[in-house]
Amino acid sequence: MNNVTVLYQGSTSPEKIGSQAGEVKRDWWDNNKQILNNIEKSYKKPNTIFDPTKQIASML
């Protein structure tokens, strides 16, 4: 195999909180919380490579 194509679904709109609350939480709260934590840690340890978010890691 020489090539692999990965298609990403965009984040669920926050407007869908009523009908797809779980998806909105995963897309916005869970994912962004981990990214923010990594950004905060990077100030203490510049040039550190952090683990991917759970959503990205699940696809690897």
N, C-alpha and C. Protein backbone atom coordinates (compact mmCIF):
# COMPACT_ATOMS: atom_id res chain seq x y z
N MET A 1 0.84 -1.16 0.00
CA MET A 1 0.00 0.00 0.00
C MET A 1 0.90 1.23 0.00
N ASN A 2 0.63 2.14 -0.91
CA ASN A 2 1.43 3.35 -1.02
C ASN A 2 0.75 4.59 -0.48
N ASN A 3 -0.56 4.62 -0.55
CA ASN A 3 -1.30 5.82 -0.14
C ASN A 3 -2.48 5.45 0.74
N VAL A 4 -2.76 6.30 1.69
CA VAL A 4 -3.92 6.15 2.54
C VAL A 4 -4.64 7.49 2.57
N THR A 5 -5.93 7.47 2.41
CA THR A 5 -6.73 8.69 2.48
C THR A 5 -7.56 8.64 3.76
N VAL A 6 -7.49 9.71 4.53
CA VAL A 6 -8.27 9.82 5.75
C VAL A 6 -9.22 10.99 5.59
N LEU A 7 -10.49 10.75 5.79
CA LEU A 7 -11.49 11.81 5.71
C LEU A 7 -11.92 12.16 7.13
N TYR A 8 -11.89 13.43 7.45
CA TYR A 8 -12.29 13.89 8.77
C TYR A 8 -13.67 14.53 8.69
N GLN A 9 -14.49 14.19 9.65
CA GLN A 9 -15.78 14.85 9.75
C GLN A 9 -15.57 16.14 10.52
N GLY A 10 -16.15 17.20 10.06
CA GLY A 10 -16.05 18.46 10.78
C GLY A 10 -16.78 18.39 12.11
N SER A 11 -16.52 19.35 12.96
CA SER A 11 -17.18 19.40 14.26
C SER A 11 -18.68 19.62 14.10
N THR A 12 -19.43 19.02 15.00
CA THR A 12 -20.87 19.21 15.02
C THR A 12 -21.17 20.63 15.50
N SER A 13 -22.06 21.29 14.84
CA SER A 13 -22.40 22.68 15.19
C SER A 13 -22.93 22.77 16.62
N PRO A 14 -22.47 23.75 17.38
CA PRO A 14 -23.02 23.94 18.73
C PRO A 14 -24.53 24.17 18.71
N GLU A 15 -25.07 24.59 17.57
CA GLU A 15 -26.52 24.76 17.46
C GLU A 15 -27.27 23.44 17.58
N LYS A 16 -26.55 22.32 17.44
CA LYS A 16 -27.17 20.99 17.53
C LYS A 16 -27.16 20.44 18.96
N ILE A 17 -26.88 21.29 19.95
CA ILE A 17 -26.77 20.84 21.34
C ILE A 17 -28.05 20.12 21.80
N GLY A 18 -29.20 20.55 21.29
CA GLY A 18 -30.46 19.92 21.69
C GLY A 18 -30.63 18.52 21.13
N SER A 19 -30.21 18.29 19.90
CA SER A 19 -30.44 16.99 19.25
C SER A 19 -29.21 16.08 19.25
N GLN A 20 -28.01 16.65 19.38
CA GLN A 20 -26.78 15.84 19.35
C GLN A 20 -25.82 16.30 20.44
N ALA A 21 -26.32 16.35 21.65
CA ALA A 21 -25.53 16.89 22.76
C ALA A 21 -24.21 16.14 22.96
N GLY A 22 -24.24 14.82 22.83
CA GLY A 22 -23.02 14.03 23.03
C GLY A 22 -21.95 14.36 22.00
N GLU A 23 -22.37 14.50 20.76
CA GLU A 23 -21.42 14.86 19.70
C GLU A 23 -20.85 16.26 19.91
N VAL A 24 -21.70 17.19 20.26
CA VAL A 24 -21.24 18.56 20.49
C VAL A 24 -20.22 18.58 21.64
N LYS A 25 -20.51 17.85 22.72
CA LYS A 25 -19.59 17.80 23.86
C LYS A 25 -18.24 17.22 23.44
N ARG A 26 -18.27 16.09 22.73
CA ARG A 26 -17.00 15.48 22.28
C ARG A 26 -16.24 16.40 21.35
N ASP A 27 -16.93 16.99 20.39
CA ASP A 27 -16.27 17.83 19.38
C ASP A 27 -15.70 19.10 19.97
N TRP A 28 -16.39 19.72 20.90
CA TRP A 28 -15.99 21.03 21.38
C TRP A 28 -15.36 20.98 22.77
N TRP A 29 -16.02 20.42 23.74
CA TRP A 29 -15.50 20.46 25.11
C TRP A 29 -14.32 19.50 25.28
N ASP A 30 -14.51 18.21 25.04
CA ASP A 30 -13.47 17.21 25.30
C ASP A 30 -12.21 17.49 24.48
N ASN A 31 -12.37 17.69 23.21
CA ASN A 31 -11.24 17.90 22.32
C ASN A 31 -10.49 19.20 22.65
N ASN A 32 -11.24 20.30 22.78
CA ASN A 32 -10.61 21.59 23.03
C ASN A 32 -9.98 21.66 24.42
N LYS A 33 -10.56 20.98 25.38
CA LYS A 33 -9.98 20.95 26.74
C LYS A 33 -8.58 20.32 26.70
N GLN A 34 -8.44 19.21 25.99
CA GLN A 34 -7.14 18.55 25.89
C GLN A 34 -6.14 19.43 25.13
N ILE A 35 -6.59 20.08 24.08
CA ILE A 35 -5.69 20.97 23.33
C ILE A 35 -5.24 22.12 24.21
N LEU A 36 -6.16 22.73 24.96
CA LEU A 36 -5.80 23.82 25.87
C LEU A 36 -4.80 23.36 26.92
N ASN A 37 -5.01 22.17 27.48
CA ASN A 37 -4.06 21.64 28.46
C ASN A 37 -2.67 21.48 27.85
N ASN A 38 -2.60 20.99 26.61
CA ASN A 38 -1.31 20.84 25.95
C ASN A 38 -0.64 22.20 25.71
N ILE A 39 -1.43 23.20 25.36
CA ILE A 39 -0.87 24.54 25.16
C ILE A 39 -0.30 25.07 26.47
N GLU A 40 -1.05 24.91 27.55
CA GLU A 40 -0.57 25.37 28.86
C GLU A 40 0.73 24.65 29.25
N LYS A 41 0.78 23.35 29.03
CA LYS A 41 1.99 22.57 29.35
C LYS A 41 3.17 23.01 28.49
N SER A 42 2.90 23.42 27.25
CA SER A 42 3.99 23.80 26.36
C SER A 42 4.72 25.05 26.83
N TYR A 43 4.05 25.89 27.60
CA TYR A 43 4.72 27.07 28.15
C TYR A 43 5.78 26.65 29.17
N LYS A 44 5.52 25.55 29.87
CA LYS A 44 6.47 25.05 30.88
C LYS A 44 7.57 24.21 30.24
N LYS A 45 7.22 23.51 29.15
CA LYS A 45 8.17 22.63 28.48
C LYS A 45 8.13 22.90 26.98
N PRO A 46 8.75 23.99 26.53
CA PRO A 46 8.75 24.28 25.09
C PRO A 46 9.37 23.13 24.29
N ASN A 47 8.95 22.99 23.06
CA ASN A 47 9.46 21.98 22.13
C ASN A 47 9.11 20.55 22.52
N THR A 48 8.13 20.39 23.41
CA THR A 48 7.68 19.05 23.78
C THR A 48 6.62 18.61 22.79
N ILE A 49 6.66 17.35 22.42
CA ILE A 49 5.64 16.78 21.55
C ILE A 49 4.63 16.08 22.45
N PHE A 50 3.39 16.51 22.38
CA PHE A 50 2.35 15.95 23.23
C PHE A 50 1.55 14.91 22.48
N ASP A 51 0.89 14.05 23.25
CA ASP A 51 0.04 13.02 22.65
C ASP A 51 -1.10 13.68 21.88
N PRO A 52 -1.57 13.02 20.84
CA PRO A 52 -2.71 13.57 20.11
C PRO A 52 -3.98 13.51 20.96
N THR A 53 -4.96 14.28 20.58
CA THR A 53 -6.23 14.22 21.31
C THR A 53 -6.81 12.82 21.17
N LYS A 54 -7.73 12.47 22.06
CA LYS A 54 -8.35 11.14 22.01
C LYS A 54 -9.04 10.89 20.68
N GLN A 55 -9.65 11.93 20.13
CA GLN A 55 -10.35 11.78 18.85
C GLN A 55 -9.38 11.42 17.73
N ILE A 56 -8.24 12.08 17.69
CA ILE A 56 -7.25 11.78 16.65
C ILE A 56 -6.59 10.44 16.92
N ALA A 57 -6.26 10.16 18.18
CA ALA A 57 -5.62 8.89 18.51
C ALA A 57 -6.50 7.70 18.15
N SER A 58 -7.80 7.86 18.25
CA SER A 58 -8.70 6.74 17.92
C SER A 58 -8.63 6.36 16.44
N MET A 59 -8.13 7.26 15.61
CA MET A 59 -8.04 6.99 14.18
C MET A 59 -6.67 6.46 13.77
N LEU A 60 -5.70 6.54 14.66
CA LEU A 60 -4.35 6.11 14.30
C LEU A 60 -4.17 4.63 14.39
